[in-house]
C-alpha atoms as a PDB file:
ATOM      1  CA  UNK A   1      -5.838   3.155  -9.228  1.00  0.00           C
ATOM      2  CA  UNK A   2      -7.659   2.555  -6.030  1.00  0.00           C
ATOM      3  CA  UNK A   3      -6.057   3.593  -2.997  1.00  0.00           C
ATOM      4  CA  UNK A   4      -7.374   0.386  -1.217  1.00  0.00           C
ATOM      5  CA  UNK A   5      -5.062  -1.857  -3.851  1.00  0.00           C
ATOM      6  CA  UNK A   6      -1.353  -2.587  -3.736  1.00  0.00           C
ATOM      7  CA  UNK A   7       0.033  -1.273  -6.769  1.00  0.00           C
ATOM      8  CA  UNK A   8       2.171  -4.378  -7.434  1.00  0.00           C
ATOM      9  CA  UNK A   9      -0.190  -7.143  -7.178  1.00  0.00           C
ATOM     10  CA  UNK A  10      -3.607  -4.847  -7.722  1.00  0.00           C
ATOM     11  CA  UNK A  11      -5.291  -7.106  -4.424  1.00  0.00           C
ATOM     12  CA  UNK A  12      -7.481  -4.991  -2.184  1.00  0.00           C
ATOM     13  CA  UNK A  13      -5.749  -4.402   1.371  1.00  0.00           C
ATOM     14  CA  UNK A  14      -6.704  -7.010   4.398  1.00  0.00           C
ATOM     15  CA  UNK A  15      -5.276  -6.558   7.667  1.00  0.00           C
ATOM     16  CA  UNK A  16      -4.557 -10.370   8.404  1.00  0.00           C
ATOM     17  CA  UNK A  17      -3.349 -10.849   4.909  1.00  0.00           C
ATOM     18  CA  UNK A  18      -1.800  -8.189   2.663  1.00  0.00           C
ATOM     19  CA  UNK A  19      -1.888  -5.019   5.023  1.00  0.00           C
ATOM     20  CA  UNK A  20      -0.756  -1.981   3.360  1.00  0.00           C
ATOM     21  CA  UNK A  21       2.632  -0.878   4.142  1.00  0.00           C
ATOM     22  CA  UNK A  22       3.803   2.852   4.036  1.00  0.00           C
ATOM     23  CA  UNK A  23       7.190   3.232   2.663  1.00  0.00           C
ATOM     24  CA  UNK A  24       9.592   6.579   3.782  1.00  0.00           C
ATOM     25  CA  UNK A  25       9.629   8.796   2.253  1.00  0.00           C
ATOM     26  CA  UNK A  26       7.644   8.372  -0.696  1.00  0.00           C
ATOM     27  CA  UNK A  27       4.286   7.614   1.291  1.00  0.00           C
ATOM     28  CA  UNK A  28       3.434   5.099  -1.548  1.00  0.00           C
ATOM     29  CA  UNK A  29       1.722   1.960   0.127  1.00  0.00           C
ATOM     30  CA  UNK A  30       2.298  -1.720  -0.877  1.00  0.00           C
ATOM     31  CA  UNK A  31       0.973  -4.291   0.649  1.00  0.00           C
ATOM     32  CA  UNK A  32       3.110  -6.309   2.623  1.00  0.00           C
ATOM     33  CA  UNK A  33       4.338 -10.067   1.046  1.00  0.00           C
ATOM     34  CA  UNK A  34       4.828  -7.865  -2.083  1.00  0.00           C
ATOM     35  CA  UNK A  35       6.989  -4.963  -0.308  1.00  0.00           C
ATOM     36  CA  UNK A  36       8.888  -8.247   1.422  1.00  0.00           C
ATOM     37  CA  UNK A  37       9.089  -9.899  -2.331  1.00  0.00           C
ATOM     38  CA  UNK A  38      10.102  -6.660  -4.090  1.00  0.00           C
ATOM     39  CA  UNK A  39      13.093  -6.402  -1.490  1.00  0.00           C
ATOM     40  CA  UNK A  40      14.672  -9.865  -1.848  1.00  0.00           C
ATOM     41  CA  UNK A  41      14.601  -9.281  -5.553  1.00  0.00           C
ATOM     42  CA  UNK A  42      15.756  -5.667  -5.435  1.00  0.00           C
ATOM     43  CA  UNK A  43      19.218  -4.827  -3.693  1.00  0.00           C
ATOM     44  CA  UNK A  44      18.614  -1.141  -4.469  1.00  0.00           C
ATOM     45  CA  UNK A  45      15.626  -1.277  -1.591  1.00  0.00           C
ATOM     46  CA  UNK A  46      13.665   1.548  -4.197  1.00  0.00           C
ATOM     47  CA  UNK A  47      10.190   2.119  -3.932  1.00  0.00           C
ATOM     48  CA  UNK A  48       8.127  -0.306  -6.492  1.00  0.00           C
ATOM     49  CA  UNK A  49       6.035   2.689  -7.420  1.00  0.00           C
ATOM     50  CA  UNK A  50       8.331   5.614  -7.847  1.00  0.00           C
ATOM     51  CA  UNK A  51      11.790   4.015  -7.540  1.00  0.00           C
ATOM     52  CA  UNK A  52      12.963   6.370  -4.702  1.00  0.00           C
ATOM     53  CA  UNK A  53      15.230   5.123  -2.113  1.00  0.00           C
ATOM     54  CA  UNK A  54      13.007   3.400   1.262  1.00  0.00           C
ATOM     55  CA  UNK A  55      14.762   4.173   4.300  1.00  0.00           C
ATOM     56  CA  UNK A  56      12.111   2.425   6.067  1.00  0.00           C
ATOM     57  CA  UNK A  57       8.647   0.740   5.921  1.00  0.00           C
ATOM     58  CA  UNK A  58       5.918   0.325   8.175  1.00  0.00           C
ATOM     59  CA  UNK A  59       1.947  -1.043   8.594  1.00  0.00           C
ATOM     60  CA  UNK A  60       0.046   2.142   7.380  1.00  0.00           C
ATOM     61  CA  UNK A  61      -2.326   1.593  10.295  1.00  0.00           C
ATOM     62  CA  UNK A  62      -4.342   4.881   9.507  1.00  0.00           C
ATOM     63  CA  UNK A  63      -5.261   3.296   5.838  1.00  0.00           C
ATOM     64  CA  UNK A  64      -6.150  -0.050   6.873  1.00  0.00           C
ATOM     65  CA  UNK A  65      -8.593   1.597   9.759  1.00  0.00           C
ATOM     66  CA  UNK A  66      -9.890   3.382   6.603  1.00  0.00           C
ATOM     67  CA  UNK A  67     -10.615   0.813   4.819  1.00  0.00           C
ATOM     68  CA  UNK A  68     -12.242  -1.239   7.373  1.00  0.00           C
ATOM     69  CA  UNK A  69     -14.507   1.249   7.909  1.00  0.00           C
ATOM     70  CA  UNK A  70     -15.741   1.457   4.569  1.00  0.00           C
ATOM     71  CA  UNK A  71     -14.555   5.001   4.052  1.00  0.00           C
ATOM     72  CA  UNK A  72     -12.409   4.810   1.060  1.00  0.00           C
ATOM     73  CA  UNK A  73     -12.561   7.080  -2.007  1.00  0.00           C
ATOM     74  CA  UNK A  74     -13.097   4.712  -5.032  1.00  0.00           C
ATOM     75  CA  UNK A  75     -11.425   5.081  -8.812  1.00  0.00           C
ATOM     76  CA  UNK A  76     -14.049   7.496  -9.788  1.00  0.00           C
ATOM     77  CA  UNK A  77     -13.144   9.837  -6.489  1.00  0.00           C
ATOM     78  CA  UNK A  78     -16.798   8.849  -5.077  1.00  0.00           C
ATOM     79  CA  UNK A  79     -17.227   7.833  -1.418  1.00  0.00           C
ATOM     80  CA  UNK A  80     -18.412   4.079  -1.148  1.00  0.00           C
ATOM     81  CA  UNK A  81     -21.067   5.260   1.475  1.00  0.00           C
ATOM     82  CA  UNK A  82     -22.700   7.370  -0.868  1.00  0.00           C
END
């Protein structure tokens, strides 16, 4: 899967709609609406991708900046600028 999409809904991350939330300590990114819904329905507060306990999550501003600048590597491993 592409690094610029949520692992739950498969939507491309967008700053004002569904920004990527970096889960700690595992480092997986999930969009904000999906992680909020996941936490409402999952009392263990685990990562939806690897099931590691999430101690915190925050907007992944670095990934959002990369996506907005068009420098995301796609599924084939090629840079979108090429």
